[in-house]
């Protein structure tokens, strides 16, 4: 496979994983806050490894209610805050990331 030469910036949007604010497990398992933290950190590594990735947006700011389904736990829980806007661990993962990015990150 050959690399494509793209002269356009990419912004990754809607990355995240459902997480219960009350769930903590080591080793991490689906729905745990540790799993969400690891998932986001893995995404950051991918985003940082490509110069054409110029932006990233988490899905979602806060949990919200949706219809029930086998792929969701009582609504959409991909937020980095709960429905009551209380911080999940992921909010601190983002805080650290933003504080540690160099001022001229990727030349911008």
PDB file of N, CA and C in Angstrom:
ATOM      1  N   UNK A   1       0.845  -1.171   0.000  1.00  0.00           N
ATOM      2  CA  UNK A   1       0.000   0.000   0.000  1.00  0.00           C
ATOM      3  C   UNK A   1       0.897   1.243   0.000  1.00  0.00           C
ATOM      4  N   UNK A   2       0.599   2.201  -0.833  1.00  0.00           N
ATOM      5  CA  UNK A   2       1.396   3.425  -0.902  1.00  0.00           C
ATOM      6  C   UNK A   2       0.700   4.541  -0.153  1.00  0.00           C
ATOM      7  N   UNK A   3       1.512   5.411   0.423  1.00  0.00           N
ATOM      8  CA  UNK A   3       0.960   6.549   1.162  1.00  0.00           C
ATOM      9  C   UNK A   3       0.398   7.567   0.187  1.00  0.00           C
ATOM     10  N   UNK A   4      -0.702   8.164   0.545  1.00  0.00           N
ATOM     11  CA  UNK A   4      -1.301   9.216  -0.277  1.00  0.00           C
ATOM     12  C   UNK A   4      -0.760  10.556   0.189  1.00  0.00           C
ATOM     13  N   UNK A   5      -0.495  11.423  -0.755  1.00  0.00           N
ATOM     14  CA  UNK A   5      -0.033  12.779  -0.443  1.00  0.00           C
ATOM     15  C   UNK A   5      -1.252  13.691  -0.426  1.00  0.00           C
ATOM     16  N   UNK A   6      -1.681  14.066   0.738  1.00  0.00           N
ATOM     17  CA  UNK A   6      -2.865  14.907   0.878  1.00  0.00           C
ATOM     18  C   UNK A   6      -2.460  16.298   1.344  1.00  0.00           C
ATOM     19  N   UNK A   7      -2.990  17.307   0.699  1.00  0.00           N
ATOM     20  CA  UNK A   7      -2.698  18.685   1.078  1.00  0.00           C
ATOM     21  C   UNK A   7      -3.876  19.332   1.786  1.00  0.00           C
ATOM     22  N   UNK A   8      -4.644  18.535   2.495  1.00  0.00           N
ATOM     23  CA  UNK A   8      -5.781  19.068   3.232  1.00  0.00           C
ATOM     24  C   UNK A   8      -5.697  18.594   4.681  1.00  0.00           C
ATOM     25  N   UNK A   9      -6.064  19.462   5.607  1.00  0.00           N
ATOM     26  CA  UNK A   9      -6.054  19.034   7.011  1.00  0.00           C
ATOM     27  C   UNK A   9      -7.244  18.127   7.313  1.00  0.00           C
ATOM     28  N   UNK A  10      -7.045  17.197   8.220  1.00  0.00           N
ATOM     29  CA  UNK A  10      -8.106  16.327   8.696  1.00  0.00           C
ATOM     30  C   UNK A  10      -8.450  16.721  10.120  1.00  0.00           C
ATOM     31  N   UNK A  11      -9.729  16.677  10.448  1.00  0.00           N
ATOM     32  CA  UNK A  11     -10.194  16.844  11.818  1.00  0.00           C
ATOM     33  C   UNK A  11     -10.993  15.593  12.156  1.00  0.00           C
ATOM     34  N   UNK A  12     -10.558  14.885  13.180  1.00  0.00           N
ATOM     35  CA  UNK A  12     -11.292  13.707  13.619  1.00  0.00           C
ATOM     36  C   UNK A  12     -12.398  14.147  14.563  1.00  0.00           C
ATOM     37  N   UNK A  13     -13.604  13.672  14.295  1.00  0.00           N
ATOM     38  CA  UNK A  13     -14.745  14.039  15.128  1.00  0.00           C
ATOM     39  C   UNK A  13     -15.445  12.783  15.634  1.00  0.00           C
ATOM     40  N   UNK A  14     -16.165  12.961  16.692  1.00  0.00           N
ATOM     41  CA  UNK A  14     -17.021  11.926  17.259  1.00  0.00           C
ATOM     42  C   UNK A  14     -16.279  10.662  17.657  1.00  0.00           C
ATOM     43  N   UNK A  15     -15.139  10.824  18.302  1.00  0.00           N
ATOM     44  CA  UNK A  15     -14.462   9.653  18.846  1.00  0.00           C
ATOM     45  C   UNK A  15     -14.784   9.551  20.325  1.00  0.00           C
ATOM     46  N   UNK A  16     -15.017   8.359  20.780  1.00  0.00           N
ATOM     47  CA  UNK A  16     -15.319   8.169  22.198  1.00  0.00           C
ATOM     48  C   UNK A  16     -15.873   6.780  22.446  1.00  0.00           C
ATOM     49  N   UNK A  17     -16.108   6.489  23.698  1.00  0.00           N
ATOM     50  CA  UNK A  17     -16.645   5.184  24.073  1.00  0.00           C
ATOM     51  C   UNK A  17     -17.573   5.340  25.276  1.00  0.00           C
ATOM     52  N   UNK A  18     -18.652   4.575  25.280  1.00  0.00           N
ATOM     53  CA  UNK A  18     -19.607   4.644  26.386  1.00  0.00           C
ATOM     54  C   UNK A  18     -18.945   4.270  27.701  1.00  0.00           C
ATOM     55  N   UNK A  19     -19.268   5.025  28.744  1.00  0.00           N
ATOM     56  CA  UNK A  19     -18.640   4.855  30.048  1.00  0.00           C
ATOM     57  C   UNK A  19     -19.629   5.178  31.159  1.00  0.00           C
ATOM     58  N   UNK A  20     -19.712   4.311  32.131  1.00  0.00           N
ATOM     59  CA  UNK A  20     -20.542   4.580  33.306  1.00  0.00           C
ATOM     60  C   UNK A  20     -19.704   5.333  34.336  1.00  0.00           C
ATOM     61  N   UNK A  21     -20.215   6.443  34.814  1.00  0.00           N
ATOM     62  CA  UNK A  21     -19.477   7.278  35.767  1.00  0.00           C
ATOM     63  C   UNK A  21     -19.159   6.530  37.063  1.00  0.00           C
ATOM     64  N   UNK A  22     -19.915   5.496  37.367  1.00  0.00           N
ATOM     65  CA  UNK A  22     -19.726   4.753  38.614  1.00  0.00           C
ATOM     66  C   UNK A  22     -18.840   3.525  38.450  1.00  0.00           C
ATOM     67  N   UNK A  23     -18.414   3.225  37.228  1.00  0.00           N
ATOM     68  CA  UNK A  23     -17.701   1.979  36.951  1.00  0.00           C
ATOM     69  C   UNK A  23     -16.185   2.180  36.914  1.00  0.00           C
ATOM     70  N   UNK A  24     -15.498   1.510  37.802  1.00  0.00           N
ATOM     71  CA  UNK A  24     -14.028   1.496  37.831  1.00  0.00           C
ATOM     72  C   UNK A  24     -13.576   0.044  37.874  1.00  0.00           C
ATOM     73  N   UNK A  25     -12.652  -0.327  36.986  1.00  0.00           N
ATOM     74  CA  UNK A  25     -12.147  -1.699  36.949  1.00  0.00           C
ATOM     75  C   UNK A  25     -10.694  -1.700  36.516  1.00  0.00           C
ATOM     76  N   UNK A  26      -9.893  -2.514  37.192  1.00  0.00           N
ATOM     77  CA  UNK A  26      -8.519  -2.785  36.789  1.00  0.00           C
ATOM     78  C   UNK A  26      -8.328  -4.288  36.786  1.00  0.00           C
ATOM     79  N   UNK A  27      -7.930  -4.890  35.696  1.00  0.00           N
ATOM     80  CA  UNK A  27      -7.703  -4.214  34.428  1.00  0.00           C
ATOM     81  C   UNK A  27      -9.011  -3.664  33.874  1.00  0.00           C
ATOM     82  N   UNK A  28      -8.888  -2.718  32.955  1.00  0.00           N
ATOM     83  CA  UNK A  28     -10.070  -2.043  32.435  1.00  0.00           C
ATOM     84  C   UNK A  28     -10.974  -2.995  31.661  1.00  0.00           C
ATOM     85  N   UNK A  29     -12.250  -2.724  31.713  1.00  0.00           N
ATOM     86  CA  UNK A  29     -13.252  -3.462  30.946  1.00  0.00           C
ATOM     87  C   UNK A  29     -14.186  -2.444  30.306  1.00  0.00           C
ATOM     88  N   UNK A  30     -14.921  -2.889  29.275  1.00  0.00           N
ATOM     89  CA  UNK A  30     -15.888  -1.987  28.653  1.00  0.00           C
ATOM     90  C   UNK A  30     -16.798  -1.383  29.709  1.00  0.00           C
ATOM     91  N   UNK A  31     -17.155  -0.138  29.489  1.00  0.00           N
ATOM     92  CA  UNK A  31     -18.031   0.676  30.324  1.00  0.00           C
ATOM     93  C   UNK A  31     -17.296   1.296  31.511  1.00  0.00           C
ATOM     94  N   UNK A  32     -16.063   0.880  31.800  1.00  0.00           N
ATOM     95  CA  UNK A  32     -15.342   1.473  32.936  1.00  0.00           C
ATOM     96  C   UNK A  32     -14.673   2.780  32.511  1.00  0.00           C
ATOM     97  N   UNK A  33     -14.447   3.644  33.503  1.00  0.00           N
ATOM     98  CA  UNK A  33     -13.771   4.900  33.222  1.00  0.00           C
ATOM     99  C   UNK A  33     -12.333   4.660  32.765  1.00  0.00           C
ATOM    100  N   UNK A  34     -11.717   3.621  33.277  1.00  0.00           N
ATOM    101  CA  UNK A  34     -10.351   3.298  32.865  1.00  0.00           C
ATOM    102  C   UNK A  34     -10.305   2.927  31.383  1.00  0.00           C
ATOM    103  N   UNK A  35     -11.325   2.216  30.911  1.00  0.00           N
ATOM    104  CA  UNK A  35     -11.406   1.857  29.495  1.00  0.00           C
ATOM    105  C   UNK A  35     -11.525   3.120  28.640  1.00  0.00           C
ATOM    106  N   UNK A  36     -12.374   4.056  29.051  1.00  0.00           N
ATOM    107  CA  UNK A  36     -12.530   5.310  28.319  1.00  0.00           C
ATOM    108  C   UNK A  36     -11.203   6.068  28.265  1.00  0.00           C
ATOM    109  N   UNK A  37     -10.505   6.134  29.395  1.00  0.00           N
ATOM    110  CA  UNK A  37      -9.212   6.824  29.437  1.00  0.00           C
ATOM    111  C   UNK A  37      -8.209   6.182  28.478  1.00  0.00           C
ATOM    112  N   UNK A  38      -8.135   4.849  28.491  1.00  0.00           N
ATOM    113  CA  UNK A  38      -7.207   4.141  27.608  1.00  0.00           C
ATOM    114  C   UNK A  38      -7.585   4.339  26.140  1.00  0.00           C
ATOM    115  N   UNK A  39      -8.868   4.303  25.850  1.00  0.00           N
ATOM    116  CA  UNK A  39      -9.348   4.488  24.478  1.00  0.00           C
ATOM    117  C   UNK A  39      -8.973   5.883  23.968  1.00  0.00           C
ATOM    118  N   UNK A  40      -9.221   6.901  24.780  1.00  0.00           N
ATOM    119  CA  UNK A  40      -8.881   8.265  24.372  1.00  0.00           C
ATOM    120  C   UNK A  40      -7.381   8.429  24.192  1.00  0.00           C
ATOM    121  N   UNK A  41      -6.591   7.880  25.097  1.00  0.00           N
ATOM    122  CA  UNK A  41      -5.132   7.982  24.998  1.00  0.00           C
ATOM    123  C   UNK A  41      -4.625   7.300  23.731  1.00  0.00           C
ATOM    124  N   UNK A  42      -5.223   6.171  23.367  1.00  0.00           N
ATOM    125  CA  UNK A  42      -4.856   5.495  22.124  1.00  0.00           C
ATOM    126  C   UNK A  42      -5.171   6.392  20.931  1.00  0.00           C
ATOM    127  N   UNK A  43      -6.329   7.033  20.945  1.00  0.00           N
ATOM    128  CA  UNK A  43      -6.681   7.962  19.872  1.00  0.00           C
ATOM    129  C   UNK A  43      -5.675   9.102  19.784  1.00  0.00           C
ATOM    130  N   UNK A  44      -5.282   9.652  20.918  1.00  0.00           N
ATOM    131  CA  UNK A  44      -4.316  10.765  20.919  1.00  0.00           C
ATOM    132  C   UNK A  44      -3.015  10.336  20.243  1.00  0.00           C
ATOM    133  N   UNK A  45      -2.565   9.121  20.524  1.00  0.00           N
ATOM    134  CA  UNK A  45      -1.339   8.622  19.904  1.00  0.00           C
ATOM    135  C   UNK A  45      -1.451   8.560  18.387  1.00  0.00           C
ATOM    136  N   UNK A  46      -2.608   8.126  17.902  1.00  0.00           N
ATOM    137  CA  UNK A  46      -2.829   8.078  16.449  1.00  0.00           C
ATOM    138  C   UNK A  46      -2.874   9.494  15.887  1.00  0.00           C
ATOM    139  N   UNK A  47      -3.639  10.378  16.512  1.00  0.00           N
ATOM    140  CA  UNK A  47      -3.750  11.757  16.030  1.00  0.00           C
ATOM    141  C   UNK A  47      -2.379  12.430  15.973  1.00  0.00           C
ATOM    142  N   UNK A  48      -1.582  12.209  16.997  1.00  0.00           N
ATOM    143  CA  UNK A  48      -0.270  12.868  17.088  1.00  0.00           C
ATOM    144  C   UNK A  48       0.726  12.323  16.076  1.00  0.00           C
ATOM    145  N   UNK A  49       0.511  11.114  15.582  1.00  0.00           N
ATOM    146  CA  UNK A  49       1.497  10.493  14.695  1.00  0.00           C
ATOM    147  C   UNK A  49       1.359  10.921  13.236  1.00  0.00           C
ATOM    148  N   UNK A  50       0.330  11.670  12.906  1.00  0.00           N
ATOM    149  CA  UNK A  50       0.123  12.111  11.525  1.00  0.00           C
ATOM    150  C   UNK A  50       0.034  13.634  11.472  1.00  0.00           C
ATOM    151  N   UNK A  51       0.904  14.263  10.685  1.00  0.00           N
ATOM    152  CA  UNK A  51       0.911  15.719  10.581  1.00  0.00           C
ATOM    153  C   UNK A  51      -0.369  16.281   9.980  1.00  0.00           C
ATOM    154  N   UNK A  52      -1.023  15.511   9.100  1.00  0.00           N
ATOM    155  CA  UNK A  52      -2.235  16.032   8.460  1.00  0.00           C
ATOM    156  C   UNK A  52      -3.430  16.085   9.403  1.00  0.00           C
ATOM    157  N   UNK A  53      -3.351  15.414  10.552  1.00  0.00           N
ATOM    158  CA  UNK A  53      -4.427  15.508  11.539  1.00  0.00           C
ATOM    159  C   UNK A  53      -4.231  16.815  12.296  1.00  0.00           C
ATOM    160  N   UNK A  54      -5.123  17.761  12.040  1.00  0.00           N
ATOM    161  CA  UNK A  54      -4.989  19.102  12.593  1.00  0.00           C
ATOM    162  C   UNK A  54      -6.033  19.427  13.653  1.00  0.00           C
ATOM    163  N   UNK A  55      -6.901  18.495  13.958  1.00  0.00           N
ATOM    164  CA  UNK A  55      -7.903  18.758  14.984  1.00  0.00           C
ATOM    165  C   UNK A  55      -8.558  17.476  15.453  1.00  0.00           C
ATOM    166  N   UNK A  56      -9.165  17.560  16.623  1.00  0.00           N
ATOM    167  CA  UNK A  56      -9.849  16.407  17.214  1.00  0.00           C
ATOM    168  C   UNK A  56     -10.995  16.897  18.075  1.00  0.00           C
ATOM    169  N   UNK A  57     -12.107  16.212  17.984  1.00  0.00           N
ATOM    170  CA  UNK A  57     -13.285  16.556  18.776  1.00  0.00           C
ATOM    171  C   UNK A  57     -13.831  15.290  19.415  1.00  0.00           C
ATOM    172  N   UNK A  58     -13.987  15.323  20.712  1.00  0.00           N
ATOM    173  CA  UNK A  58     -14.530  14.165  21.418  1.00  0.00           C
ATOM    174  C   UNK A  58     -16.047  14.130  21.226  1.00  0.00           C
ATOM    175  N   UNK A  59     -16.582  12.928  21.204  1.00  0.00           N
ATOM    176  CA  UNK A  59     -18.027  12.767  21.269  1.00  0.00           C
ATOM    177  C   UNK A  59     -18.296  12.142  22.618  1.00  0.00           C
ATOM    178  N   UNK A  60     -18.683  12.872  23.503  1.00  0.00           N
ATOM    179  CA  UNK A  60     -19.458  14.081  23.540  1.00  0.00           C
ATOM    180  C   UNK A  60     -19.071  14.848  24.800  1.00  0.00           C
ATOM    181  N   UNK A  61     -19.446  16.117  24.877  1.00  0.00           N
ATOM    182  CA  UNK A  61     -19.186  16.910  26.073  1.00  0.00           C
ATOM    183  C   UNK A  61     -19.802  16.245  27.299  1.00  0.00           C
ATOM    184  N   UNK A  62     -21.074  15.926  27.223  1.00  0.00           N
ATOM    185  CA  UNK A  62     -21.768  15.338  28.376  1.00  0.00           C
ATOM    186  C   UNK A  62     -22.674  14.202  27.919  1.00  0.00           C
ATOM    187  N   UNK A  63     -22.898  13.250  28.815  1.00  0.00           N
ATOM    188  CA  UNK A  63     -23.823  12.154  28.550  1.00  0.00           C
ATOM    189  C   UNK A  63     -25.210  12.728  28.267  1.00  0.00           C
ATOM    190  N   UNK A  64     -25.993  11.995  27.461  1.00  0.00           N
ATOM    191  CA  UNK A  64     -27.372  12.413  27.208  1.00  0.00           C
ATOM    192  C   UNK A  64     -28.244  11.193  27.006  1.00  0.00           C
ATOM    193  N   UNK A  65     -29.539  11.368  27.197  1.00  0.00           N
ATOM    194  CA  UNK A  65     -30.475  10.254  27.113  1.00  0.00           C
ATOM    195  C   UNK A  65     -30.819   9.959  25.663  1.00  0.00           C
ATOM    196  N   UNK A  66     -30.866   8.687  25.320  1.00  0.00           N
ATOM    197  CA  UNK A  66     -31.299   8.216  24.004  1.00  0.00           C
ATOM    198  C   UNK A  66     -32.188   7.000  24.214  1.00  0.00           C
ATOM    199  N   UNK A  67     -32.675   6.475  23.115  1.00  0.00           N
ATOM    200  CA  UNK A  67     -33.463   5.252  23.230  1.00  0.00           C
ATOM    201  C   UNK A  67     -32.565   4.095  23.661  1.00  0.00           C
ATOM    202  N   UNK A  68     -33.169   3.085  24.230  1.00  0.00           N
ATOM    203  CA  UNK A  68     -32.425   1.915  24.669  1.00  0.00           C
ATOM    204  C   UNK A  68     -31.982   1.082  23.479  1.00  0.00           C
ATOM    205  N   UNK A  69     -30.905   0.345  23.653  1.00  0.00           N
ATOM    206  CA  UNK A  69     -30.418  -0.551  22.609  1.00  0.00           C
ATOM    207  C   UNK A  69     -29.338  -1.446  23.164  1.00  0.00           C
ATOM    208  N   UNK A  70     -29.032  -2.504  22.452  1.00  0.00           N
ATOM    209  CA  UNK A  70     -28.041  -3.455  22.952  1.00  0.00           C
ATOM    210  C   UNK A  70     -26.620  -2.908  22.897  1.00  0.00           C
ATOM    211  N   UNK A  71     -26.395  -1.824  22.183  1.00  0.00           N
ATOM    212  CA  UNK A  71     -25.061  -1.239  22.070  1.00  0.00           C
ATOM    213  C   UNK A  71     -24.862  -0.049  23.013  1.00  0.00           C
ATOM    214  N   UNK A  72     -25.847   0.245  23.856  1.00  0.00           N
ATOM    215  CA  UNK A  72     -25.743   1.389  24.760  1.00  0.00           C
ATOM    216  C   UNK A  72     -26.182   0.995  26.166  1.00  0.00           C
ATOM    217  N   UNK A  73     -25.618   1.686  27.125  1.00  0.00           N
ATOM    218  CA  UNK A  73     -26.008   1.480  28.511  1.00  0.00           C
ATOM    219  C   UNK A  73     -26.877   2.664  28.937  1.00  0.00           C
ATOM    220  N   UNK A  74     -28.196   2.507  28.885  1.00  0.00           N
ATOM    221  CA  UNK A  74     -29.124   3.524  29.379  1.00  0.00           C
ATOM    222  C   UNK A  74     -28.817   4.913  28.829  1.00  0.00           C
ATOM    223  N   UNK A  75     -28.768   5.047  27.532  1.00  0.00           N
ATOM    224  CA  UNK A  75     -28.507   6.344  26.910  1.00  0.00           C
ATOM    225  C   UNK A  75     -27.119   6.396  26.305  1.00  0.00           C
ATOM    226  N   UNK A  76     -26.706   7.580  25.894  1.00  0.00           N
ATOM    227  CA  UNK A  76     -25.385   7.772  25.314  1.00  0.00           C
ATOM    228  C   UNK A  76     -24.470   8.274  26.428  1.00  0.00           C
ATOM    229  N   UNK A  77     -23.501   7.458  26.793  1.00  0.00           N
ATOM    230  CA  UNK A  77     -22.622   7.754  27.926  1.00  0.00           C
ATOM    231  C   UNK A  77     -21.191   8.023  27.470  1.00  0.00           C
ATOM    232  N   UNK A  78     -21.036   8.569  26.260  1.00  0.00           N
ATOM    233  CA  UNK A  78     -19.701   8.850  25.740  1.00  0.00           C
ATOM    234  C   UNK A  78     -19.162  10.190  26.220  1.00  0.00           C
ATOM    235  N   UNK A  79     -19.915  10.909  27.005  1.00  0.00           N
ATOM    236  CA  UNK A  79     -19.476  12.214  27.481  1.00  0.00           C
ATOM    237  C   UNK A  79     -18.276  12.137  28.408  1.00  0.00           C
ATOM    238  N   UNK A  80     -17.542  13.251  28.461  1.00  0.00           N
ATOM    239  CA  UNK A  80     -16.463  13.341  29.439  1.00  0.00           C
ATOM    240  C   UNK A  80     -16.988  13.951  30.739  1.00  0.00           C
ATOM    241  N   UNK A  81     -18.281  14.334  30.711  1.00  0.00           N
ATOM    242  CA  UNK A  81     -19.010  14.761  31.897  1.00  0.00           C
ATOM    243  C   UNK A  81     -20.321  13.982  31.954  1.00  0.00           C
ATOM    244  N   UNK A  82     -20.881  13.846  33.143  1.00  0.00           N
ATOM    245  CA  UNK A  82     -22.168  13.176  33.304  1.00  0.00           C
ATOM    246  C   UNK A  82     -23.284  14.102  32.816  1.00  0.00           C
ATOM    247  N   UNK A  83     -24.506  13.622  32.827  1.00  0.00           N
ATOM    248  CA  UNK A  83     -25.661  14.469  32.454  1.00  0.00           C
ATOM    249  C   UNK A  83     -25.802  15.651  33.416  1.00  0.00           C
ATOM    250  N   UNK A  84     -25.296  15.491  34.631  1.00  0.00           N
ATOM    251  CA  UNK A  84     -25.352  16.568  35.627  1.00  0.00           C
ATOM    252  C   UNK A  84     -24.104  17.449  35.559  1.00  0.00           C
ATOM    253  N   UNK A  85     -23.297  17.256  34.526  1.00  0.00           N
ATOM    254  CA  UNK A  85     -22.062  18.015  34.265  1.00  0.00           C
ATOM    255  C   UNK A  85     -21.002  17.841  35.346  1.00  0.00           C
ATOM    256  N   UNK A  86     -20.980  16.630  35.930  1.00  0.00           N
ATOM    257  CA  UNK A  86     -19.912  16.269  36.853  1.00  0.00           C
ATOM    258  C   UNK A  86     -18.802  15.592  36.052  1.00  0.00           C
ATOM    259  N   UNK A  87     -17.568  15.887  36.387  1.00  0.00           N
ATOM    260  CA  UNK A  87     -16.420  15.354  35.640  1.00  0.00           C
ATOM    261  C   UNK A  87     -16.314  13.845  35.758  1.00  0.00           C
ATOM    262  N   UNK A  88     -16.074  13.196  34.626  1.00  0.00           N
ATOM    263  CA  UNK A  88     -15.611  11.816  34.622  1.00  0.00           C
ATOM    264  C   UNK A  88     -14.084  11.893  34.569  1.00  0.00           C
ATOM    265  N   UNK A  89     -13.421  10.766  34.761  1.00  0.00           N
ATOM    266  CA  UNK A  89     -11.953  10.749  34.696  1.00  0.00           C
ATOM    267  C   UNK A  89     -11.445  11.306  33.370  1.00  0.00           C
ATOM    268  N   UNK A  90     -12.179  11.061  32.282  1.00  0.00           N
ATOM    269  CA  UNK A  90     -11.751  11.501  30.949  1.00  0.00           C
ATOM    270  C   UNK A  90     -11.588  13.009  30.858  1.00  0.00           C
ATOM    271  N   UNK A  91     -12.348  13.768  31.628  1.00  0.00           N
ATOM    272  CA  UNK A  91     -12.192  15.228  31.611  1.00  0.00           C
ATOM    273  C   UNK A  91     -10.778  15.616  32.027  1.00  0.00           C
ATOM    274  N   UNK A  92     -10.222  14.867  32.970  1.00  0.00           N
ATOM    275  CA  UNK A  92      -8.861  15.152  33.434  1.00  0.00           C
ATOM    276  C   UNK A  92      -7.816  14.647  32.441  1.00  0.00           C
ATOM    277  N   UNK A  93      -8.154  13.588  31.692  1.00  0.00           N
ATOM    278  CA  UNK A  93      -7.275  13.118  30.615  1.00  0.00           C
ATOM    279  C   UNK A  93      -7.144  14.229  29.572  1.00  0.00           C
ATOM    280  N   UNK A  94      -8.257  14.834  29.193  1.00  0.00           N
ATOM    281  CA  UNK A  94      -8.219  15.945  28.234  1.00  0.00           C
ATOM    282  C   UNK A  94      -7.501  17.159  28.805  1.00  0.00           C
ATOM    283  N   UNK A  95      -7.756  17.477  30.053  1.00  0.00           N
ATOM    284  CA  UNK A  95      -7.091  18.628  30.686  1.00  0.00           C
ATOM    285  C   UNK A  95      -5.573  18.462  30.616  1.00  0.00           C
ATOM    286  N   UNK A  96      -5.073  17.278  30.992  1.00  0.00           N
ATOM    287  CA  UNK A  96      -3.629  17.018  30.927  1.00  0.00           C
ATOM    288  C   UNK A  96      -3.121  17.138  29.493  1.00  0.00           C
ATOM    289  N   UNK A  97      -3.871  16.571  28.555  1.00  0.00           N
ATOM    290  CA  UNK A  97      -3.443  16.627  27.149  1.00  0.00           C
ATOM    291  C   UNK A  97      -3.306  18.080  26.697  1.00  0.00           C
ATOM    292  N   UNK A  98      -4.315  18.874  26.935  1.00  0.00           N
ATOM    293  CA  UNK A  98      -4.291  20.263  26.477  1.00  0.00           C
ATOM    294  C   UNK A  98      -3.196  21.066  27.162  1.00  0.00           C
ATOM    295  N   UNK A  99      -2.966  20.797  28.427  1.00  0.00           N
ATOM    296  CA  UNK A  99      -1.913  21.523  29.145  1.00  0.00           C
ATOM    297  C   UNK A  99      -0.513  21.124  28.682  1.00  0.00           C
ATOM    298  N   UNK A 100      -0.359  19.878  28.216  1.00  0.00           N
ATOM    299  CA  UNK A 100       0.963  19.377  27.837  1.00  0.00           C
ATOM    300  C   UNK A 100       1.312  19.582  26.367  1.00  0.00           C
ATOM    301  N   UNK A 101       0.331  19.952  25.537  1.00  0.00           N
ATOM    302  CA  UNK A 101       0.645  20.178  24.127  1.00  0.00           C
ATOM    303  C   UNK A 101       1.547  21.396  23.997  1.00  0.00           C
ATOM    304  N   UNK A 102       2.596  21.287  23.183  1.00  0.00           N
ATOM    305  CA  UNK A 102       3.472  22.453  23.002  1.00  0.00           C
ATOM    306  C   UNK A 102       2.715  23.589  22.297  1.00  0.00           C
ATOM    307  N   UNK A 103       3.166  24.804  22.551  1.00  0.00           N
ATOM    308  CA  UNK A 103       2.479  25.970  21.991  1.00  0.00           C
ATOM    309  C   UNK A 103       2.431  25.929  20.464  1.00  0.00           C
ATOM    310  N   UNK A 104       3.475  25.456  19.838  1.00  0.00           N
ATOM    311  CA  UNK A 104       3.509  25.368  18.373  1.00  0.00           C
ATOM    312  C   UNK A 104       3.257  23.933  17.906  1.00  0.00           C
ATOM    313  N   UNK A 105       2.285  23.292  18.488  1.00  0.00           N
ATOM    314  CA  UNK A 105       1.935  21.909  18.152  1.00  0.00           C
ATOM    315  C   UNK A 105       1.639  21.793  16.653  1.00  0.00           C
ATOM    316  N   UNK A 106       2.354  20.951  15.981  1.00  0.00           N
ATOM    317  CA  UNK A 106       2.222  20.718  14.545  1.00  0.00           C
ATOM    318  C   UNK A 106       2.348  22.005  13.732  1.00  0.00           C
ATOM    319  N   UNK A 107       3.127  22.958  14.243  1.00  0.00           N
ATOM    320  CA  UNK A 107       3.418  24.170  13.489  1.00  0.00           C
ATOM    321  C   UNK A 107       2.318  25.207  13.482  1.00  0.00           C
ATOM    322  N   UNK A 108       1.288  25.021  14.285  1.00  0.00           N
ATOM    323  CA  UNK A 108       0.168  25.987  14.291  1.00  0.00           C
ATOM    324  C   UNK A 108       0.231  26.900  15.490  1.00  0.00           C
TER     325      UNK A 108
END
